[in-house]
Amino acid sequence: MPRFVTVLSPGFDSSMTSYTSSAAALVDHLTIEGTAPDADGATVAYLDGDDQVLADAEADAEGFQVDLAVGANTIKVPVTAEDGSTTRTYTVVVTRDEPLAAPA
């Protein structure tokens, strides 16, 4: 299965909380993989734009899988530090292209 990599804009910086990215029409999901050096003690959630908990679209795959609809997809990732008192929410808006229309 081919992997497509999308880049956050701006590049990830833990002090920034809002990002954008884009995906081609043929990309129907993305994988979020936490790589924080202290990720073992942190808790992470994955929410949609309405703060509803997202289900892992492919629980058997590594990372957290998010299905993408055509258009803007808002994904919020609240991360709570190991001490339980500090939470920062990162928001990523991934815009998936609309498929090209078939020739008539």
N, C-alpha and C. Protein backbone atom coordinates (compact mmCIF):
# COMPACT_ATOMS: atom_id res chain seq x y z
N MET A 1 0.85 -1.17 0.00
CA MET A 1 0.00 0.00 0.00
C MET A 1 0.90 1.24 0.00
N PRO A 2 0.70 2.16 -0.93
CA PRO A 2 1.55 3.33 -0.99
C PRO A 2 1.28 4.27 0.19
N ARG A 3 2.33 4.97 0.62
CA ARG A 3 2.20 5.96 1.68
C ARG A 3 2.37 7.33 1.07
N PHE A 4 1.48 8.21 1.42
CA PHE A 4 1.57 9.58 0.98
C PHE A 4 1.86 10.42 2.22
N VAL A 5 2.82 11.28 2.13
CA VAL A 5 3.20 12.11 3.26
C VAL A 5 2.72 13.52 3.00
N THR A 6 2.05 14.08 3.97
CA THR A 6 1.62 15.47 3.86
C THR A 6 2.38 16.28 4.88
N VAL A 7 2.64 17.50 4.58
CA VAL A 7 3.47 18.35 5.42
C VAL A 7 2.60 19.39 6.11
N LEU A 8 2.85 19.59 7.39
CA LEU A 8 2.14 20.62 8.12
C LEU A 8 2.67 21.98 7.73
N SER A 9 1.80 22.96 7.74
CA SER A 9 2.22 24.32 7.49
C SER A 9 1.70 25.18 8.63
N PRO A 10 2.53 25.86 9.36
CA PRO A 10 3.99 25.77 9.31
C PRO A 10 4.45 24.43 9.83
N GLY A 11 5.74 24.15 9.77
CA GLY A 11 6.29 22.91 10.31
C GLY A 11 6.00 22.82 11.80
N PHE A 12 5.93 21.60 12.34
CA PHE A 12 5.55 21.43 13.74
C PHE A 12 6.51 22.13 14.69
N ASP A 13 5.92 22.84 15.63
CA ASP A 13 6.63 23.52 16.71
C ASP A 13 5.69 23.40 17.92
N SER A 14 6.15 22.82 19.00
CA SER A 14 5.27 22.54 20.14
C SER A 14 4.62 23.80 20.72
N SER A 15 5.19 24.97 20.45
CA SER A 15 4.60 26.20 20.96
C SER A 15 3.48 26.73 20.06
N MET A 16 3.34 26.17 18.85
CA MET A 16 2.27 26.58 17.93
C MET A 16 1.15 25.56 18.01
N THR A 17 -0.09 26.02 17.94
CA THR A 17 -1.21 25.08 18.11
C THR A 17 -2.12 24.95 16.88
N SER A 18 -1.89 25.73 15.83
CA SER A 18 -2.75 25.64 14.64
C SER A 18 -1.94 25.37 13.39
N TYR A 19 -2.40 24.39 12.62
CA TYR A 19 -1.69 23.96 11.42
C TYR A 19 -2.67 23.70 10.29
N THR A 20 -2.14 23.73 9.07
CA THR A 20 -2.93 23.35 7.90
C THR A 20 -2.13 22.36 7.08
N SER A 21 -2.85 21.61 6.27
CA SER A 21 -2.22 20.68 5.35
C SER A 21 -3.23 20.38 4.25
N SER A 22 -2.76 19.72 3.20
CA SER A 22 -3.67 19.36 2.12
C SER A 22 -3.41 17.92 1.72
N ALA A 23 -4.42 17.32 1.08
CA ALA A 23 -4.31 15.94 0.63
C ALA A 23 -4.95 15.83 -0.75
N ALA A 24 -4.36 15.02 -1.59
CA ALA A 24 -4.91 14.77 -2.92
C ALA A 24 -6.23 14.01 -2.80
N ALA A 25 -7.03 14.04 -3.83
CA ALA A 25 -8.34 13.39 -3.84
C ALA A 25 -8.25 11.90 -3.55
N LEU A 26 -7.17 11.24 -3.98
CA LEU A 26 -7.06 9.79 -3.78
C LEU A 26 -6.65 9.41 -2.35
N VAL A 27 -6.31 10.38 -1.53
CA VAL A 27 -5.96 10.11 -0.12
C VAL A 27 -7.24 10.17 0.70
N ASP A 28 -7.68 9.01 1.20
CA ASP A 28 -8.94 8.98 1.93
C ASP A 28 -8.78 8.89 3.45
N HIS A 29 -7.54 8.75 3.92
CA HIS A 29 -7.31 8.80 5.37
C HIS A 29 -5.86 9.20 5.63
N LEU A 30 -5.61 9.57 6.87
CA LEU A 30 -4.25 9.90 7.25
C LEU A 30 -3.94 9.21 8.56
N THR A 31 -2.65 9.12 8.84
CA THR A 31 -2.19 8.50 10.07
C THR A 31 -1.51 9.57 10.92
N ILE A 32 -1.88 9.64 12.18
CA ILE A 32 -1.24 10.55 13.12
C ILE A 32 -0.37 9.70 14.02
N GLU A 33 0.91 10.05 14.08
CA GLU A 33 1.83 9.32 14.95
C GLU A 33 2.51 10.30 15.88
N GLY A 34 2.28 10.14 17.18
CA GLY A 34 2.93 10.99 18.17
C GLY A 34 4.40 10.64 18.29
N THR A 35 5.24 11.64 18.29
CA THR A 35 6.68 11.39 18.38
C THR A 35 7.32 12.20 19.49
N ALA A 36 6.54 12.69 20.43
CA ALA A 36 7.11 13.49 21.52
C ALA A 36 8.08 12.65 22.33
N PRO A 37 9.19 13.24 22.79
CA PRO A 37 10.17 12.48 23.56
C PRO A 37 9.62 11.94 24.87
N ASP A 38 8.60 12.57 25.42
CA ASP A 38 8.02 12.11 26.68
C ASP A 38 6.61 11.54 26.47
N ALA A 39 6.35 11.00 25.29
CA ALA A 39 5.00 10.53 24.94
C ALA A 39 4.52 9.41 25.87
N ASP A 40 5.42 8.70 26.55
CA ASP A 40 4.99 7.61 27.41
C ASP A 40 4.10 8.07 28.54
N GLY A 41 4.34 9.28 29.06
CA GLY A 41 3.56 9.76 30.19
C GLY A 41 2.40 10.65 29.80
N ALA A 42 2.35 11.10 28.56
CA ALA A 42 1.30 12.02 28.13
C ALA A 42 0.05 11.25 27.73
N THR A 43 -1.10 11.92 27.83
CA THR A 43 -2.34 11.34 27.31
C THR A 43 -2.77 12.18 26.12
N VAL A 44 -3.27 11.50 25.11
CA VAL A 44 -3.64 12.15 23.85
C VAL A 44 -5.05 11.72 23.48
N ALA A 45 -5.83 12.67 22.96
CA ALA A 45 -7.16 12.37 22.43
C ALA A 45 -7.20 12.89 21.00
N TYR A 46 -8.13 12.39 20.22
CA TYR A 46 -8.32 12.84 18.85
C TYR A 46 -9.79 13.23 18.69
N LEU A 47 -10.03 14.49 18.34
CA LEU A 47 -11.38 15.02 18.25
C LEU A 47 -11.63 15.61 16.88
N ASP A 48 -12.92 15.66 16.50
CA ASP A 48 -13.26 16.33 15.25
C ASP A 48 -13.48 17.82 15.53
N GLY A 49 -13.90 18.56 14.54
CA GLY A 49 -14.11 20.00 14.68
C GLY A 49 -15.20 20.37 15.66
N ASP A 50 -16.09 19.41 16.01
CA ASP A 50 -17.16 19.65 16.97
C ASP A 50 -16.82 19.09 18.35
N ASP A 51 -15.54 18.78 18.57
CA ASP A 51 -15.04 18.22 19.83
C ASP A 51 -15.61 16.84 20.15
N GLN A 52 -16.04 16.10 19.12
CA GLN A 52 -16.49 14.73 19.31
C GLN A 52 -15.28 13.80 19.14
N VAL A 53 -15.20 12.79 19.99
CA VAL A 53 -14.08 11.85 19.93
C VAL A 53 -14.10 11.08 18.62
N LEU A 54 -12.96 11.05 17.95
CA LEU A 54 -12.82 10.27 16.72
C LEU A 54 -12.45 8.84 17.05
N ALA A 55 -12.99 7.90 16.29
CA ALA A 55 -12.61 6.50 16.43
C ALA A 55 -11.44 6.24 15.50
N ASP A 56 -10.53 5.37 15.92
CA ASP A 56 -9.42 4.97 15.07
C ASP A 56 -10.00 4.20 13.89
N ALA A 57 -9.85 4.74 12.69
CA ALA A 57 -10.48 4.16 11.50
C ALA A 57 -9.88 2.82 11.10
N GLU A 58 -8.69 2.52 11.60
CA GLU A 58 -8.04 1.25 11.27
C GLU A 58 -7.20 0.83 12.48
N ALA A 59 -7.87 0.30 13.49
CA ALA A 59 -7.23 0.01 14.77
C ALA A 59 -6.04 -0.95 14.67
N ASP A 60 -5.99 -1.78 13.64
CA ASP A 60 -4.89 -2.73 13.51
C ASP A 60 -3.62 -2.09 12.96
N ALA A 61 -3.72 -0.89 12.41
CA ALA A 61 -2.55 -0.21 11.82
C ALA A 61 -1.83 0.61 12.89
N GLU A 62 -0.55 0.84 12.68
CA GLU A 62 0.24 1.65 13.60
C GLU A 62 -0.21 3.11 13.51
N GLY A 63 -0.23 3.80 14.63
CA GLY A 63 -0.66 5.19 14.66
C GLY A 63 -2.17 5.28 14.77
N PHE A 64 -2.69 6.49 14.68
CA PHE A 64 -4.13 6.73 14.76
C PHE A 64 -4.61 7.11 13.38
N GLN A 65 -5.56 6.36 12.84
CA GLN A 65 -6.06 6.57 11.48
C GLN A 65 -7.31 7.45 11.50
N VAL A 66 -7.31 8.48 10.65
CA VAL A 66 -8.45 9.38 10.54
C VAL A 66 -8.95 9.36 9.10
N ASP A 67 -10.24 9.05 8.90
CA ASP A 67 -10.82 9.12 7.56
C ASP A 67 -10.98 10.58 7.17
N LEU A 68 -10.75 10.88 5.89
CA LEU A 68 -10.86 12.25 5.39
C LEU A 68 -12.03 12.37 4.43
N ALA A 69 -12.86 13.37 4.64
CA ALA A 69 -13.92 13.71 3.70
C ALA A 69 -13.33 14.71 2.70
N VAL A 70 -13.99 14.88 1.57
CA VAL A 70 -13.58 15.91 0.62
C VAL A 70 -13.81 17.26 1.26
N GLY A 71 -12.86 18.17 1.13
CA GLY A 71 -12.97 19.50 1.73
C GLY A 71 -12.15 19.58 3.00
N ALA A 72 -12.50 20.53 3.86
CA ALA A 72 -11.74 20.78 5.09
C ALA A 72 -12.12 19.78 6.18
N ASN A 73 -11.11 19.17 6.78
CA ASN A 73 -11.27 18.23 7.89
C ASN A 73 -10.50 18.78 9.09
N THR A 74 -11.21 19.09 10.16
CA THR A 74 -10.57 19.62 11.35
C THR A 74 -10.31 18.49 12.33
N ILE A 75 -9.06 18.39 12.76
CA ILE A 75 -8.67 17.37 13.73
C ILE A 75 -8.01 18.09 14.89
N LYS A 76 -8.57 17.88 16.08
CA LYS A 76 -8.02 18.49 17.29
C LYS A 76 -7.34 17.40 18.10
N VAL A 77 -6.16 17.71 18.61
CA VAL A 77 -5.39 16.73 19.37
C VAL A 77 -5.02 17.35 20.73
N PRO A 78 -5.86 17.16 21.75
CA PRO A 78 -5.49 17.63 23.08
C PRO A 78 -4.45 16.68 23.68
N VAL A 79 -3.37 17.25 24.17
CA VAL A 79 -2.29 16.47 24.78
C VAL A 79 -2.15 16.96 26.22
N THR A 80 -2.27 16.02 27.16
CA THR A 80 -2.13 16.34 28.58
C THR A 80 -0.82 15.76 29.09
N ALA A 81 -0.04 16.60 29.73
CA ALA A 81 1.26 16.19 30.26
C ALA A 81 1.09 15.11 31.32
N GLU A 82 2.17 14.41 31.58
CA GLU A 82 2.16 13.31 32.55
C GLU A 82 1.65 13.77 33.92
N ASP A 83 1.93 15.01 34.30
CA ASP A 83 1.49 15.50 35.61
C ASP A 83 -0.02 15.72 35.68
N GLY A 84 -0.70 15.66 34.53
CA GLY A 84 -2.15 15.78 34.50
C GLY A 84 -2.67 17.20 34.62
N SER A 85 -1.80 18.18 34.77
CA SER A 85 -2.26 19.55 34.99
C SER A 85 -2.09 20.47 33.79
N THR A 86 -1.32 20.05 32.81
CA THR A 86 -1.06 20.89 31.66
C THR A 86 -1.61 20.23 30.40
N THR A 87 -2.50 20.94 29.70
CA THR A 87 -3.06 20.43 28.45
C THR A 87 -2.90 21.48 27.37
N ARG A 88 -2.47 21.05 26.21
CA ARG A 88 -2.38 21.92 25.03
C ARG A 88 -3.09 21.20 23.90
N THR A 89 -3.94 21.93 23.19
CA THR A 89 -4.67 21.34 22.08
C THR A 89 -4.10 21.85 20.77
N TYR A 90 -3.68 20.91 19.94
CA TYR A 90 -3.17 21.20 18.60
C TYR A 90 -4.31 20.98 17.62
N THR A 91 -4.50 21.91 16.68
CA THR A 91 -5.55 21.79 15.69
C THR A 91 -4.93 21.75 14.30
N VAL A 92 -5.33 20.74 13.53
CA VAL A 92 -4.85 20.59 12.16
C VAL A 92 -6.06 20.58 11.24
N VAL A 93 -6.04 21.42 10.22
CA VAL A 93 -7.10 21.41 9.21
C VAL A 93 -6.48 20.85 7.94
N VAL A 94 -6.96 19.67 7.54
CA VAL A 94 -6.47 19.01 6.33
C VAL A 94 -7.55 19.15 5.27
N THR A 95 -7.20 19.77 4.17
CA THR A 95 -8.15 19.95 3.08
C THR A 95 -7.89 18.92 2.00
N ARG A 96 -8.88 18.05 1.81
CA ARG A 96 -8.76 17.00 0.79
C ARG A 96 -9.39 17.49 -0.51
N ASP A 97 -8.64 17.35 -1.60
CA ASP A 97 -9.11 17.77 -2.92
C ASP A 97 -10.32 16.95 -3.34
N GLU A 98 -11.16 17.57 -4.15
CA GLU A 98 -12.30 16.89 -4.73
C GLU A 98 -11.83 16.07 -5.93
N PRO A 99 -12.36 14.87 -6.11
CA PRO A 99 -11.96 14.07 -7.29
C PRO A 99 -12.29 14.81 -8.58
N LEU A 100 -11.47 14.60 -9.58
CA LEU A 100 -11.73 15.19 -10.89
C LEU A 100 -12.96 14.55 -11.50
N ALA A 101 -13.73 15.33 -12.19
CA ALA A 101 -14.93 14.80 -12.85
C ALA A 101 -14.50 13.91 -14.02
N ALA A 102 -15.24 12.84 -14.20
CA ALA A 102 -14.96 11.93 -15.33
C ALA A 102 -15.33 12.63 -16.64
N PRO A 103 -14.57 12.40 -17.70
CA PRO A 103 -14.91 13.03 -18.97
C PRO A 103 -16.28 12.56 -19.46
N ALA A 104 -17.00 13.46 -20.09
CA ALA A 104 -18.36 13.15 -20.54
C ALA A 104 -18.34 12.32 -21.80
